[in-house]
Amino acid sequence: MPDATGAATRGMPPIARGARRAGTARRLAGRRSTIAFCLCLPLILLVAGFVIYPAFYAIWLSMLNKKMTAFVGLDNFAFLLKRNTFQLVIFQSCLFAVSAVIFKALLGFIMAHLMHNLSGRSQRIWRGLLLVPWVIPLPLSTLTWWWMFDPSYSAFNWLLNQFGIGSVPWLGVGWIARFCTIAVNVWFGAPFFLIMYLAALKSVPEQLYEAAAIDGANAIQKLIHITLPMMRNIIAITVLFSLIITFADFDIVRILTGGGPQDMTHVFATYAFQVGIQSGDIPLGAADSLFMFPILAVAAFFVLRGVTRRSKEIAA
């Protein structure tokens, strides 16, 4: 059965049909959704070109042989899981990311509360000073830390020697080197948690604290029953974002230890660089880099589900 609208349009003179199409195009261009899509289109193209396409290309590479001439399926993943070194990389990556994020969250939370209780001018000064580690380019600041940990010129060892304590091989012993990489990551990332938590604290209504004080609540009770519930979503989103960034960290471990000693500080990114670029096995390096995806996907699922549930509870 022919479309009545199409038939009516075909029956119109050419000028009327052109005016009708122009009116439809004008209405379409006037919609907010169309304007929003057009404004977001450059970002969508950038994400597609620099994120989506490389991700699918990495998946394709991970299923090729070393010469990239034959399809091998999941053999690269199975080969990696059998290697003791890669099992150590999984453990080290999880230890590095989880412990660093926990310490950054705690330190940022404490600093945000201290900053929140300062006066306006003092708060601006200290906020600017505490943001310096996050503003300095990470490779540059990591080089400074490497010099401070250097066995021959270590500033930390010089300070210990002044008190009669022997020098410490900061980057030469496995667990000490792990501690150093985590400490540098915490130093760099804590200001991000500070600024996010400080913004969340300023959004909590003061009337809630005043009402709690009238009811006789102390500082700990205010923290547990007012501050934390009001900041839960911000805390969850910040932790998730930092976990993703920390899992993908490359600069700190590469500059400080290069994955040593004895591969005890390798994370996914540095081991993928060693296997894929330095050893020339690009498919195996791609498979290594993809191992962090399921870990982060599971974490993102549970965190975002909790955020969505709490948002619905607030809206209801």
Protein backbone atom coordinates (compact mmCIF):
# COMPACT_ATOMS: atom_id res chain seq x y z
CA MET A 1 0.00 0.00 0.00
CA PRO A 2 1.59 3.35 -1.00
CA ASP A 3 2.47 5.79 1.74
CA ALA A 4 -0.12 8.56 1.93
CA THR A 5 2.50 11.11 2.97
CA GLY A 6 4.77 10.14 0.08
CA ALA A 7 1.89 10.29 -2.36
CA ALA A 8 0.87 13.69 -1.07
CA THR A 9 4.43 14.92 -1.40
CA ARG A 10 4.77 13.64 -4.95
CA GLY A 11 1.58 15.46 -5.82
CA MET A 12 2.98 18.81 -4.69
CA PRO A 13 4.69 21.28 -7.01
CA PRO A 14 8.55 21.23 -6.87
CA ILE A 15 8.66 24.54 -4.95
CA ALA A 16 6.25 23.22 -2.29
CA ARG A 17 8.24 19.99 -1.94
CA GLY A 18 11.46 21.96 -1.50
CA ALA A 19 9.86 24.18 1.13
CA ARG A 20 8.57 21.11 2.98
CA ARG A 21 12.03 19.52 3.01
CA ALA A 22 13.60 22.78 4.16
CA GLY A 23 11.08 23.01 7.00
CA THR A 24 11.83 19.42 8.07
CA ALA A 25 15.59 20.07 7.98
CA ARG A 26 15.11 23.27 9.97
CA ARG A 27 13.08 21.44 12.64
CA LEU A 28 15.71 18.68 12.81
CA ALA A 29 18.53 21.20 13.17
CA GLY A 30 16.59 23.00 15.88
CA ARG A 31 16.33 19.97 18.15
CA ARG A 32 18.58 19.95 21.19
CA SER A 33 19.60 16.36 20.56
CA THR A 34 20.81 17.22 17.07
CA ILE A 35 22.78 20.22 18.30
CA ALA A 36 24.29 18.15 21.10
CA PHE A 37 25.29 15.40 18.67
CA CYS A 38 26.93 17.89 16.31
CA LEU A 39 28.86 19.47 19.17
CA CYS A 40 30.01 16.05 20.40
CA LEU A 41 30.86 14.74 16.93
CA PRO A 42 34.53 15.90 16.96
CA LEU A 43 35.06 14.19 20.33
CA ILE A 44 33.29 11.04 19.09
CA LEU A 45 35.59 10.93 16.06
CA LEU A 46 38.64 11.42 18.25
CA VAL A 47 37.58 8.64 20.62
CA ALA A 48 36.84 6.36 17.66
CA GLY A 49 40.17 7.13 16.04
CA PHE A 50 42.45 7.05 19.08
CA VAL A 51 40.67 4.61 21.44
CA ILE A 52 38.14 2.32 19.77
CA TYR A 53 40.13 1.51 16.62
CA PRO A 54 43.44 0.86 18.49
CA ALA A 55 41.57 -1.33 21.01
CA PHE A 56 40.09 -3.58 18.32
CA TYR A 57 43.38 -3.58 16.43
CA ALA A 58 45.17 -4.71 19.63
CA ILE A 59 42.65 -7.55 20.00
CA TRP A 60 43.36 -8.61 16.42
CA LEU A 61 47.14 -8.43 16.95
CA SER A 62 46.91 -10.51 20.13
CA MET A 63 45.50 -13.40 18.09
CA LEU A 64 48.37 -13.55 15.59
CA ASN A 65 51.65 -15.42 15.72
CA LYS A 66 54.98 -13.68 16.34
CA LYS A 67 55.54 -13.00 12.62
CA MET A 68 51.94 -11.75 12.34
CA THR A 69 51.30 -14.09 9.42
CA ALA A 70 48.88 -16.62 10.95
CA PHE A 71 45.85 -16.56 13.22
CA VAL A 72 46.47 -18.45 16.48
CA GLY A 73 43.37 -17.53 18.50
CA LEU A 74 43.93 -17.45 22.25
CA ASP A 75 47.31 -19.21 22.17
CA ASN A 76 49.18 -16.06 23.19
CA PHE A 77 47.03 -15.65 26.29
CA ALA A 78 47.49 -19.30 27.24
CA PHE A 79 51.26 -19.01 26.72
CA LEU A 80 51.46 -15.94 28.97
CA LEU A 81 49.47 -17.56 31.76
CA LYS A 82 51.93 -20.47 31.86
CA ARG A 83 54.93 -18.19 32.39
CA ASN A 84 56.02 -17.61 35.97
CA THR A 85 57.17 -14.12 35.09
CA PHE A 86 53.72 -13.13 33.84
CA GLN A 87 52.06 -14.59 36.93
CA LEU A 88 54.37 -12.32 38.93
CA VAL A 89 53.33 -9.41 36.69
CA ILE A 90 49.64 -10.05 37.48
CA PHE A 91 50.36 -10.11 41.21
CA GLN A 92 52.57 -7.03 41.06
CA SER A 93 50.10 -5.05 38.93
CA CYS A 94 47.23 -5.75 41.32
CA LEU A 95 49.39 -5.01 44.36
CA PHE A 96 50.70 -1.79 42.81
CA ALA A 97 47.30 -0.49 41.68
CA VAL A 98 45.15 -1.50 44.66
CA SER A 99 47.58 -0.43 47.37
CA ALA A 100 48.41 2.85 45.64
CA VAL A 101 44.71 3.72 45.18
CA ILE A 102 43.93 2.89 48.82
CA PHE A 103 46.75 5.10 50.11
CA LYS A 104 45.85 7.91 47.69
CA ALA A 105 42.21 7.77 48.78
CA LEU A 106 43.09 7.86 52.49
CA LEU A 107 45.68 10.59 52.12
CA GLY A 108 43.44 12.66 49.85
CA PHE A 109 40.52 12.29 52.26
CA ILE A 110 42.62 13.47 55.22
CA MET A 111 44.10 16.40 53.30
CA ALA A 112 40.68 17.42 51.97
CA HIS A 113 39.29 17.63 55.51
CA LEU A 114 42.28 19.66 56.68
CA MET A 115 41.92 22.02 53.71
CA HIS A 116 38.16 22.31 54.22
CA ASN A 117 38.68 23.68 57.73
CA LEU A 118 41.18 26.36 56.66
CA SER A 119 40.23 29.96 55.97
CA GLY A 120 39.74 31.17 52.42
CA ARG A 121 43.15 32.73 51.69
CA SER A 122 45.13 30.03 53.49
CA GLN A 123 43.13 27.34 51.72
CA ARG A 124 43.95 28.79 48.29
CA ILE A 125 47.67 28.93 49.09
CA TRP A 126 47.87 25.39 50.45
CA ARG A 127 45.66 24.04 47.68
CA GLY A 128 48.02 25.47 45.08
CA LEU A 129 51.08 24.04 46.85
CA LEU A 130 49.57 20.59 47.28
CA LEU A 131 48.57 20.45 43.61
CA VAL A 132 52.18 20.90 42.49
CA PRO A 133 52.98 17.13 42.37
CA TRP A 134 49.99 16.54 40.12
CA VAL A 135 50.84 19.48 37.82
CA ILE A 136 54.50 18.58 37.25
CA PRO A 137 54.97 16.19 34.27
CA LEU A 138 55.21 12.67 35.68
CA PRO A 139 58.42 11.63 33.83
CA LEU A 140 60.21 14.72 35.10
CA SER A 141 59.16 14.25 38.72
CA THR A 142 59.92 10.51 38.53
CA LEU A 143 63.47 11.30 37.39
CA THR A 144 63.86 13.42 40.52
CA TRP A 145 62.67 10.51 42.67
CA TRP A 146 65.08 8.19 40.84
CA TRP A 147 67.95 10.49 41.82
CA MET A 148 66.75 10.49 45.43
CA PHE A 149 66.71 6.66 45.41
CA ASP A 150 70.01 6.30 43.53
CA PRO A 151 72.46 4.04 45.46
CA SER A 152 75.43 6.38 44.91
CA TYR A 153 73.82 9.81 45.26
CA SER A 154 70.67 9.04 47.26
CA ALA A 155 69.44 11.98 49.31
CA PHE A 156 67.58 9.54 51.54
CA ASN A 157 70.72 7.51 52.22
CA TRP A 158 72.67 10.69 52.97
CA LEU A 159 70.03 11.64 55.52
CA LEU A 160 70.14 8.17 57.08
CA ASN A 161 73.94 8.29 57.24
CA GLN A 162 73.76 11.51 59.24
CA PHE A 163 72.01 9.54 61.98
CA GLY A 164 74.45 6.65 61.79
CA ILE A 165 72.12 4.36 59.81
CA GLY A 166 73.50 2.37 56.90
CA SER A 167 72.51 2.99 53.30
CA VAL A 168 69.43 1.25 51.93
CA PRO A 169 69.38 -0.28 48.41
CA TRP A 170 66.10 1.40 47.57
CA LEU A 171 65.76 0.10 44.02
CA GLY A 172 67.93 -3.00 44.37
CA VAL A 173 65.75 -5.20 46.59
CA GLY A 174 62.40 -6.48 45.36
CA TRP A 175 60.01 -5.49 48.13
CA ILE A 176 61.77 -2.19 48.81
CA ALA A 177 61.61 -1.34 45.10
CA ARG A 178 57.91 -2.17 45.10
CA PHE A 179 57.39 0.14 48.04
CA CYS A 180 59.28 2.92 46.22
CA THR A 181 57.17 2.67 43.06
CA ILE A 182 53.96 2.68 45.10
CA ALA A 183 55.14 5.66 47.17
CA VAL A 184 55.93 7.71 44.06
CA ASN A 185 52.53 6.90 42.57
CA VAL A 186 50.82 7.94 45.82
CA TRP A 187 52.83 11.19 45.90
CA PHE A 188 51.76 11.98 42.34
CA GLY A 189 48.09 10.94 42.56
CA ALA A 190 47.04 12.07 46.04
CA PRO A 191 46.42 15.71 44.94
CA PHE A 192 43.78 14.47 42.48
CA PHE A 193 41.87 12.82 45.33
CA LEU A 194 42.36 15.98 47.40
CA ILE A 195 40.72 18.27 44.85
CA MET A 196 37.85 15.84 44.15
CA TYR A 197 37.09 15.22 47.81
CA LEU A 198 37.40 18.91 48.66
CA ALA A 199 34.81 19.74 46.02
CA ALA A 200 32.53 17.02 47.41
CA LEU A 201 32.95 18.34 50.97
CA LYS A 202 31.95 21.83 49.90
CA SER A 203 28.73 20.43 48.41
CA VAL A 204 27.58 18.95 51.74
CA PRO A 205 25.02 21.33 53.32
CA GLU A 206 26.22 22.89 56.57
CA GLN A 207 22.70 22.59 57.97
CA LEU A 208 23.20 18.84 58.30
CA TYR A 209 26.23 19.34 60.53
CA GLU A 210 24.40 21.97 62.58
CA ALA A 211 21.43 19.66 63.11
CA ALA A 212 23.76 16.82 64.08
CA ALA A 213 25.58 19.07 66.56
CA ILE A 214 22.27 20.03 68.16
CA ASP A 215 21.50 16.30 68.56
CA GLY A 216 24.84 15.86 70.33
CA ALA A 217 26.79 14.13 67.54
CA ASN A 218 30.58 14.24 67.82
CA ALA A 219 33.08 14.60 64.96
CA ILE A 220 33.35 10.86 64.31
CA GLN A 221 29.57 10.43 64.18
CA LYS A 222 29.28 13.36 61.76
CA LEU A 223 31.93 11.76 59.56
CA ILE A 224 30.25 8.35 59.52
CA HIS A 225 26.60 9.41 59.26
CA ILE A 226 26.82 12.61 57.20
CA THR A 227 30.10 13.10 55.36
CA LEU A 228 30.70 9.58 54.05
CA PRO A 229 27.09 8.94 52.88
CA MET A 230 27.04 12.29 51.06
CA MET A 231 30.41 11.59 49.40
CA ARG A 232 29.94 7.91 48.50
CA ASN A 233 29.34 8.46 44.79
CA ILE A 234 32.26 10.88 44.42
CA ILE A 235 34.53 8.49 46.33
CA ALA A 236 33.47 5.55 44.15
CA ILE A 237 33.93 7.40 40.83
CA THR A 238 37.29 8.84 41.91
CA VAL A 239 38.56 5.44 43.05
CA LEU A 240 37.45 3.81 39.79
CA PHE A 241 39.08 6.49 37.64
CA SER A 242 42.31 6.33 39.62
CA LEU A 243 42.31 2.52 39.49
CA ILE A 244 42.10 2.61 35.69
CA ILE A 245 44.91 5.18 35.44
CA THR A 246 47.11 3.35 37.95
CA PHE A 247 46.70 -0.03 36.25
CA ALA A 248 47.86 1.57 33.00
CA ASP A 249 50.78 3.37 34.63
CA PHE A 250 54.03 3.09 32.69
CA ASP A 251 56.32 6.01 33.49
CA ILE A 252 57.00 5.39 37.19
CA VAL A 253 58.04 1.74 36.96
CA ARG A 254 59.87 2.20 33.67
CA ILE A 255 61.97 5.12 34.92
CA LEU A 256 62.61 3.94 38.47
CA THR A 257 63.32 0.23 38.03
CA GLY A 258 62.66 -0.81 34.44
CA GLY A 259 60.78 -3.78 35.89
CA GLY A 260 63.67 -5.01 38.04
CA PRO A 261 65.14 -6.31 40.18
CA GLN A 262 64.44 -9.80 38.80
CA ASP A 263 61.15 -8.65 37.22
CA MET A 264 59.68 -7.98 40.67
CA THR A 265 58.28 -4.52 39.84
CA HIS A 266 56.90 -5.14 36.35
CA VAL A 267 53.32 -4.07 35.71
CA PHE A 268 51.21 -4.83 32.65
CA ALA A 269 52.35 -1.76 30.73
CA THR A 270 56.10 -2.16 31.31
CA TYR A 271 56.04 -5.90 30.67
CA ALA A 272 54.07 -5.38 27.44
CA PHE A 273 56.71 -2.84 26.36
CA GLN A 274 59.52 -5.29 27.15
CA VAL A 275 57.87 -8.23 25.38
CA GLY A 276 56.27 -6.37 22.49
CA ILE A 277 58.75 -3.62 21.64
CA GLN A 278 62.12 -4.64 23.06
CA SER A 279 61.77 -8.34 22.27
CA GLY A 280 59.94 -7.80 19.00
CA ASP A 281 56.91 -9.98 19.77
CA ILE A 282 54.14 -7.45 19.18
CA PRO A 283 51.21 -9.95 19.33
CA LEU A 284 52.41 -11.25 22.71
CA GLY A 285 52.80 -7.67 23.98
CA ALA A 286 49.27 -6.87 22.79
CA ALA A 287 47.94 -9.95 24.60
CA ASP A 288 49.73 -8.84 27.77
CA SER A 289 48.25 -5.35 27.62
CA LEU A 290 44.73 -6.75 27.20
CA PHE A 291 44.89 -8.74 30.44
CA MET A 292 44.04 -5.64 32.47
CA PHE A 293 40.75 -5.15 30.59
CA PRO A 294 38.68 -7.89 32.32
CA ILE A 295 40.00 -6.81 35.73
CA LEU A 296 38.99 -3.21 35.14
CA ALA A 297 35.71 -4.21 33.51
CA VAL A 298 34.65 -6.16 36.62
CA ALA A 299 35.69 -3.30 38.91
CA ALA A 300 33.83 -0.76 36.75
CA PHE A 301 30.68 -2.91 36.69
CA PHE A 302 30.39 -3.17 40.46
CA VAL A 303 31.37 0.45 41.14
CA LEU A 304 29.00 1.94 38.55
CA ARG A 305 26.18 -0.38 39.62
CA GLY A 306 26.55 0.89 43.18
CA VAL A 307 26.63 4.51 42.01
CA THR A 308 23.48 3.99 39.90
CA ARG A 309 21.64 2.31 42.78
CA ARG A 310 22.50 5.10 45.23
CA SER A 311 21.51 7.76 42.67
CA LYS A 312 18.09 6.13 42.26
CA GLU A 313 17.66 5.97 46.03
CA ILE A 314 18.42 9.69 46.30
CA ALA A 315 16.05 10.53 43.43
CA ALA A 316 13.27 8.48 45.00
